Amino acid sequence: MVSVNSVFLGGNLTRDPEVRYTPQGTAVATFGLAVNHSYRTRDGEQKEEVCFIEIETWGRQAETCEQYLRKGSPVLVEGRLKYDTWEGNDGQKRSRHKVRAQRVQFLSSGSRSSGSGGDMAPPPSMHDEVYPDGNDTPSPTGGEVPF
């Protein structure tokens, strides 16, 4: 049986990355990504669709994303789809797909003021997704963040 779960996305952040830490101290960043698709209808009308995707990244990559990315930043994301389910405060079951990023490629090195007038340019990319157990795969308990 063949099983492939690979996603490549290019878009812009819809909000600043938010970093939380697991009880073991591993950083987990989440941010939204907007991917635009423009097309022309049969009538010649220009249309645009926007797909909003939740992105999650772990370890040093999460901290680097928080440090260098801001709402509107263009990025390429390579990762895999993950399906989350939970029960909302109202007792209803909820679910969503998100992308667990393995690589986040920063597309612009635009400078950001560090308060002292200095410029900071992000590294070209971050690789090597890190999970709480230190391996390249989630721990047997799922490697999930308890929040």
C-alpha atoms as a PDB file:
ATOM      1  CA  MET A   1       0.000   0.000   0.000  1.00  0.00           C
ATOM      2  CA  VAL A   2       1.346   3.420  -0.969  1.00  0.00           C
ATOM      3  CA  SER A   3       1.136   6.232   1.564  1.00  0.00           C
ATOM      4  CA  VAL A   4       2.313   9.759   0.772  1.00  0.00           C
ATOM      5  CA  ASN A   5       1.652  12.843   2.866  1.00  0.00           C
ATOM      6  CA  SER A   6       3.628  15.794   1.543  1.00  0.00           C
ATOM      7  CA  VAL A   7       2.582  19.424   1.178  1.00  0.00           C
ATOM      8  CA  PHE A   8       4.349  22.389  -0.444  1.00  0.00           C
ATOM      9  CA  LEU A   9       2.783  25.812   0.064  1.00  0.00           C
ATOM     10  CA  GLY A  10       3.797  29.352  -0.766  1.00  0.00           C
ATOM     11  CA  GLY A  11       1.981  32.302   0.722  1.00  0.00           C
ATOM     12  CA  ASN A  12       1.964  35.084   3.271  1.00  0.00           C
ATOM     13  CA  LEU A  13       1.539  34.939   7.034  1.00  0.00           C
ATOM     14  CA  THR A  14      -1.888  36.052   8.234  1.00  0.00           C
ATOM     15  CA  ARG A  15      -0.599  36.732  11.744  1.00  0.00           C
ATOM     16  CA  ASP A  16       2.655  36.827  13.679  1.00  0.00           C
ATOM     17  CA  PRO A  17       3.961  33.414  14.777  1.00  0.00           C
ATOM     18  CA  GLU A  18       2.975  32.473  18.321  1.00  0.00           C
ATOM     19  CA  VAL A  19       5.390  30.275  20.278  1.00  0.00           C
ATOM     20  CA  ARG A  20       4.466  28.070  23.206  1.00  0.00           C
ATOM     21  CA  TYR A  21       6.589  25.531  25.010  1.00  0.00           C
ATOM     22  CA  THR A  22       5.890  21.933  25.928  1.00  0.00           C
ATOM     23  CA  PRO A  23       6.460  20.862  29.545  1.00  0.00           C
ATOM     24  CA  GLN A  24       9.816  19.463  28.337  1.00  0.00           C
ATOM     25  CA  GLY A  25      10.807  22.919  27.009  1.00  0.00           C
ATOM     26  CA  THR A  26      10.375  22.289  23.278  1.00  0.00           C
ATOM     27  CA  ALA A  27       9.203  25.334  21.316  1.00  0.00           C
ATOM     28  CA  VAL A  28       6.097  25.011  19.135  1.00  0.00           C
ATOM     29  CA  ALA A  29       5.141  27.876  16.828  1.00  0.00           C
ATOM     30  CA  THR A  30       1.816  28.303  15.065  1.00  0.00           C
ATOM     31  CA  PHE A  31       0.880  30.820  12.422  1.00  0.00           C
ATOM     32  CA  GLY A  32      -1.653  31.228   9.667  1.00  0.00           C
ATOM     33  CA  LEU A  33      -0.759  31.168   5.989  1.00  0.00           C
ATOM     34  CA  ALA A  34      -2.809  32.630   3.140  1.00  0.00           C
ATOM     35  CA  VAL A  35      -2.290  31.067  -0.285  1.00  0.00           C
ATOM     36  CA  ASN A  36      -3.829  32.987  -3.198  1.00  0.00           C
ATOM     37  CA  HIS A  37      -5.025  31.504  -6.467  1.00  0.00           C
ATOM     38  CA  SER A  38      -6.025  33.781  -9.349  1.00  0.00           C
ATOM     39  CA  TYR A  39      -7.934  32.580 -12.375  1.00  0.00           C
ATOM     40  CA  ARG A  40     -10.113  33.864 -15.194  1.00  0.00           C
ATOM     41  CA  THR A  41     -13.675  32.613 -15.654  1.00  0.00           C
ATOM     42  CA  ARG A  42     -15.126  31.601 -19.032  1.00  0.00           C
ATOM     43  CA  ASP A  43     -16.669  35.063 -19.176  1.00  0.00           C
ATOM     44  CA  GLY A  44     -13.214  36.623 -18.845  1.00  0.00           C
ATOM     45  CA  GLU A  45     -13.794  37.817 -15.304  1.00  0.00           C
ATOM     46  CA  GLN A  46     -10.712  37.768 -13.066  1.00  0.00           C
ATOM     47  CA  LYS A  47     -11.336  35.859  -9.817  1.00  0.00           C
ATOM     48  CA  GLU A  48      -9.202  35.192  -6.800  1.00  0.00           C
ATOM     49  CA  GLU A  49      -9.512  32.463  -4.179  1.00  0.00           C
ATOM     50  CA  VAL A  50      -7.689  32.511  -0.882  1.00  0.00           C
ATOM     51  CA  CYS A  51      -6.982  29.371   1.112  1.00  0.00           C
ATOM     52  CA  PHE A  52      -6.154  29.872   4.798  1.00  0.00           C
ATOM     53  CA  ILE A  53      -3.996  27.185   6.395  1.00  0.00           C
ATOM     54  CA  GLU A  54      -2.791  26.714   9.961  1.00  0.00           C
ATOM     55  CA  ILE A  55       0.952  25.949  10.163  1.00  0.00           C
ATOM     56  CA  GLU A  56       2.784  24.351  13.092  1.00  0.00           C
ATOM     57  CA  THR A  57       6.543  24.016  13.470  1.00  0.00           C
ATOM     58  CA  TRP A  58       8.754  22.697  16.260  1.00  0.00           C
ATOM     59  CA  GLY A  59      12.083  23.273  17.991  1.00  0.00           C
ATOM     60  CA  ARG A  60      14.655  25.832  16.898  1.00  0.00           C
ATOM     61  CA  GLN A  61      12.743  26.373  13.668  1.00  0.00           C
ATOM     62  CA  ALA A  62       9.751  27.540  15.739  1.00  0.00           C
ATOM     63  CA  GLU A  63      11.890  30.045  17.631  1.00  0.00           C
ATOM     64  CA  THR A  64      13.475  31.324  14.415  1.00  0.00           C
ATOM     65  CA  CYS A  65      10.064  31.792  12.803  1.00  0.00           C
ATOM     66  CA  GLU A  66       8.936  33.831  15.804  1.00  0.00           C
ATOM     67  CA  GLN A  67      12.100  35.914  15.674  1.00  0.00           C
ATOM     68  CA  TYR A  68      12.114  36.760  11.968  1.00  0.00           C
ATOM     69  CA  LEU A  69       8.607  36.379  10.548  1.00  0.00           C
ATOM     70  CA  ARG A  70       5.726  38.825  10.862  1.00  0.00           C
ATOM     71  CA  LYS A  71       2.219  39.129   9.509  1.00  0.00           C
ATOM     72  CA  GLY A  72       2.520  39.489   5.727  1.00  0.00           C
ATOM     73  CA  SER A  73       5.917  37.751   5.456  1.00  0.00           C
ATOM     74  CA  PRO A  74       6.203  35.591   2.325  1.00  0.00           C
ATOM     75  CA  VAL A  75       7.319  31.992   2.951  1.00  0.00           C
ATOM     76  CA  LEU A  76       7.503  28.570   1.365  1.00  0.00           C
ATOM     77  CA  VAL A  77       6.446  25.726   3.648  1.00  0.00           C
ATOM     78  CA  GLU A  78       7.202  22.043   3.192  1.00  0.00           C
ATOM     79  CA  GLY A  79       5.491  19.628   5.512  1.00  0.00           C
ATOM     80  CA  ARG A  80       2.708  17.138   5.985  1.00  0.00           C
ATOM     81  CA  LEU A  81      -1.001  17.313   6.684  1.00  0.00           C
ATOM     82  CA  LYS A  82      -2.160  16.567  10.187  1.00  0.00           C
ATOM     83  CA  TYR A  83      -5.771  16.101  11.277  1.00  0.00           C
ATOM     84  CA  ASP A  84      -6.680  17.421  14.738  1.00  0.00           C
ATOM     85  CA  THR A  85      -9.855  16.658  16.649  1.00  0.00           C
ATOM     86  CA  TRP A  86     -10.989  18.073  19.976  1.00  0.00           C
ATOM     87  CA  GLU A  87     -14.063  18.903  21.971  1.00  0.00           C
ATOM     88  CA  GLY A  88     -14.978  22.584  22.164  1.00  0.00           C
ATOM     89  CA  ASN A  89     -16.111  24.434  25.281  1.00  0.00           C
ATOM     90  CA  ASP A  90     -19.673  23.937  24.094  1.00  0.00           C
ATOM     91  CA  GLY A  91     -19.232  20.146  24.070  1.00  0.00           C
ATOM     92  CA  GLN A  92     -19.239  19.919  20.272  1.00  0.00           C
ATOM     93  CA  LYS A  93     -16.616  17.862  18.486  1.00  0.00           C
ATOM     94  CA  ARG A  94     -14.349  19.987  16.331  1.00  0.00           C
ATOM     95  CA  SER A  95     -11.728  19.122  13.746  1.00  0.00           C
ATOM     96  CA  ARG A  96      -9.367  20.727  11.272  1.00  0.00           C
ATOM     97  CA  HIS A  97      -6.438  19.972   9.033  1.00  0.00           C
ATOM     98  CA  LYS A  98      -3.181  21.808   9.572  1.00  0.00           C
ATOM     99  CA  VAL A  99       0.307  21.509   8.155  1.00  0.00           C
ATOM    100  CA  ARG A 100       3.153  20.362  10.374  1.00  0.00           C
ATOM    101  CA  ALA A 101       6.072  22.167   8.742  1.00  0.00           C
ATOM    102  CA  GLN A 102       9.345  20.355   8.242  1.00  0.00           C
ATOM    103  CA  ARG A 103      10.928  23.297   6.422  1.00  0.00           C
ATOM    104  CA  VAL A 104      10.084  26.974   6.350  1.00  0.00           C
ATOM    105  CA  GLN A 105      11.874  28.990   3.669  1.00  0.00           C
ATOM    106  CA  PHE A 106      11.880  32.745   4.280  1.00  0.00           C
ATOM    107  CA  LEU A 107      11.397  34.497   0.947  1.00  0.00           C
ATOM    108  CA  SER A 108      12.312  38.064   1.847  1.00  0.00           C
ATOM    109  CA  SER A 109      15.210  39.223   3.934  1.00  0.00           C
ATOM    110  CA  GLY A 110      13.594  42.557   4.629  1.00  0.00           C
ATOM    111  CA  SER A 111      15.212  44.267   7.552  1.00  0.00           C
ATOM    112  CA  ARG A 112      13.535  44.762  10.865  1.00  0.00           C
ATOM    113  CA  SER A 113      14.595  47.351  13.344  1.00  0.00           C
ATOM    114  CA  SER A 114      15.913  45.839  16.548  1.00  0.00           C
ATOM    115  CA  GLY A 115      15.322  49.041  18.467  1.00  0.00           C
ATOM    116  CA  SER A 116      18.915  50.223  18.095  1.00  0.00           C
ATOM    117  CA  GLY A 117      18.685  50.925  14.391  1.00  0.00           C
ATOM    118  CA  GLY A 118      20.334  47.636  13.483  1.00  0.00           C
ATOM    119  CA  ASP A 119      19.117  45.439  10.650  1.00  0.00           C
ATOM    120  CA  MET A 120      18.478  41.745  10.997  1.00  0.00           C
ATOM    121  CA  ALA A 121      18.218  39.431   8.025  1.00  0.00           C
ATOM    122  CA  PRO A 122      16.726  35.962   8.541  1.00  0.00           C
ATOM    123  CA  PRO A 123      18.624  32.861   7.578  1.00  0.00           C
ATOM    124  CA  PRO A 124      17.587  31.527   4.163  1.00  0.00           C
ATOM    125  CA  SER A 125      15.751  28.543   5.661  1.00  0.00           C
ATOM    126  CA  MET A 126      15.347  26.327   8.660  1.00  0.00           C
ATOM    127  CA  HIS A 127      15.399  22.555   8.368  1.00  0.00           C
ATOM    128  CA  ASP A 128      15.216  19.487  10.546  1.00  0.00           C
ATOM    129  CA  GLU A 129      11.953  19.390  12.374  1.00  0.00           C
ATOM    130  CA  VAL A 130      12.523  18.492  16.008  1.00  0.00           C
ATOM    131  CA  TYR A 131       9.994  16.669  18.137  1.00  0.00           C
ATOM    132  CA  PRO A 132       9.868  16.474  21.932  1.00  0.00           C
ATOM    133  CA  ASP A 133      11.636  13.107  22.051  1.00  0.00           C
ATOM    134  CA  GLY A 134      14.556  14.448  19.991  1.00  0.00           C
ATOM    135  CA  ASN A 135      13.897  12.127  17.043  1.00  0.00           C
ATOM    136  CA  ASP A 136      12.674  13.108  13.611  1.00  0.00           C
ATOM    137  CA  THR A 137       9.278  11.575  14.277  1.00  0.00           C
ATOM    138  CA  PRO A 138       6.662  12.286  16.931  1.00  0.00           C
ATOM    139  CA  SER A 139       6.943  10.459  20.219  1.00  0.00           C
ATOM    140  CA  PRO A 140       4.679   7.432  20.822  1.00  0.00           C
ATOM    141  CA  THR A 141       2.393   9.719  22.793  1.00  0.00           C
ATOM    142  CA  GLY A 142       1.921  11.787  19.673  1.00  0.00           C
ATOM    143  CA  GLY A 143       4.419  14.521  20.504  1.00  0.00           C
ATOM    144  CA  GLU A 144       1.488  16.871  20.887  1.00  0.00           C
ATOM    145  CA  VAL A 145       1.470  20.079  22.814  1.00  0.00           C
ATOM    146  CA  PRO A 146      -0.975  19.943  25.747  1.00  0.00           C
ATOM    147  CA  PHE A 147      -2.765  23.220  25.036  1.00  0.00           C
END
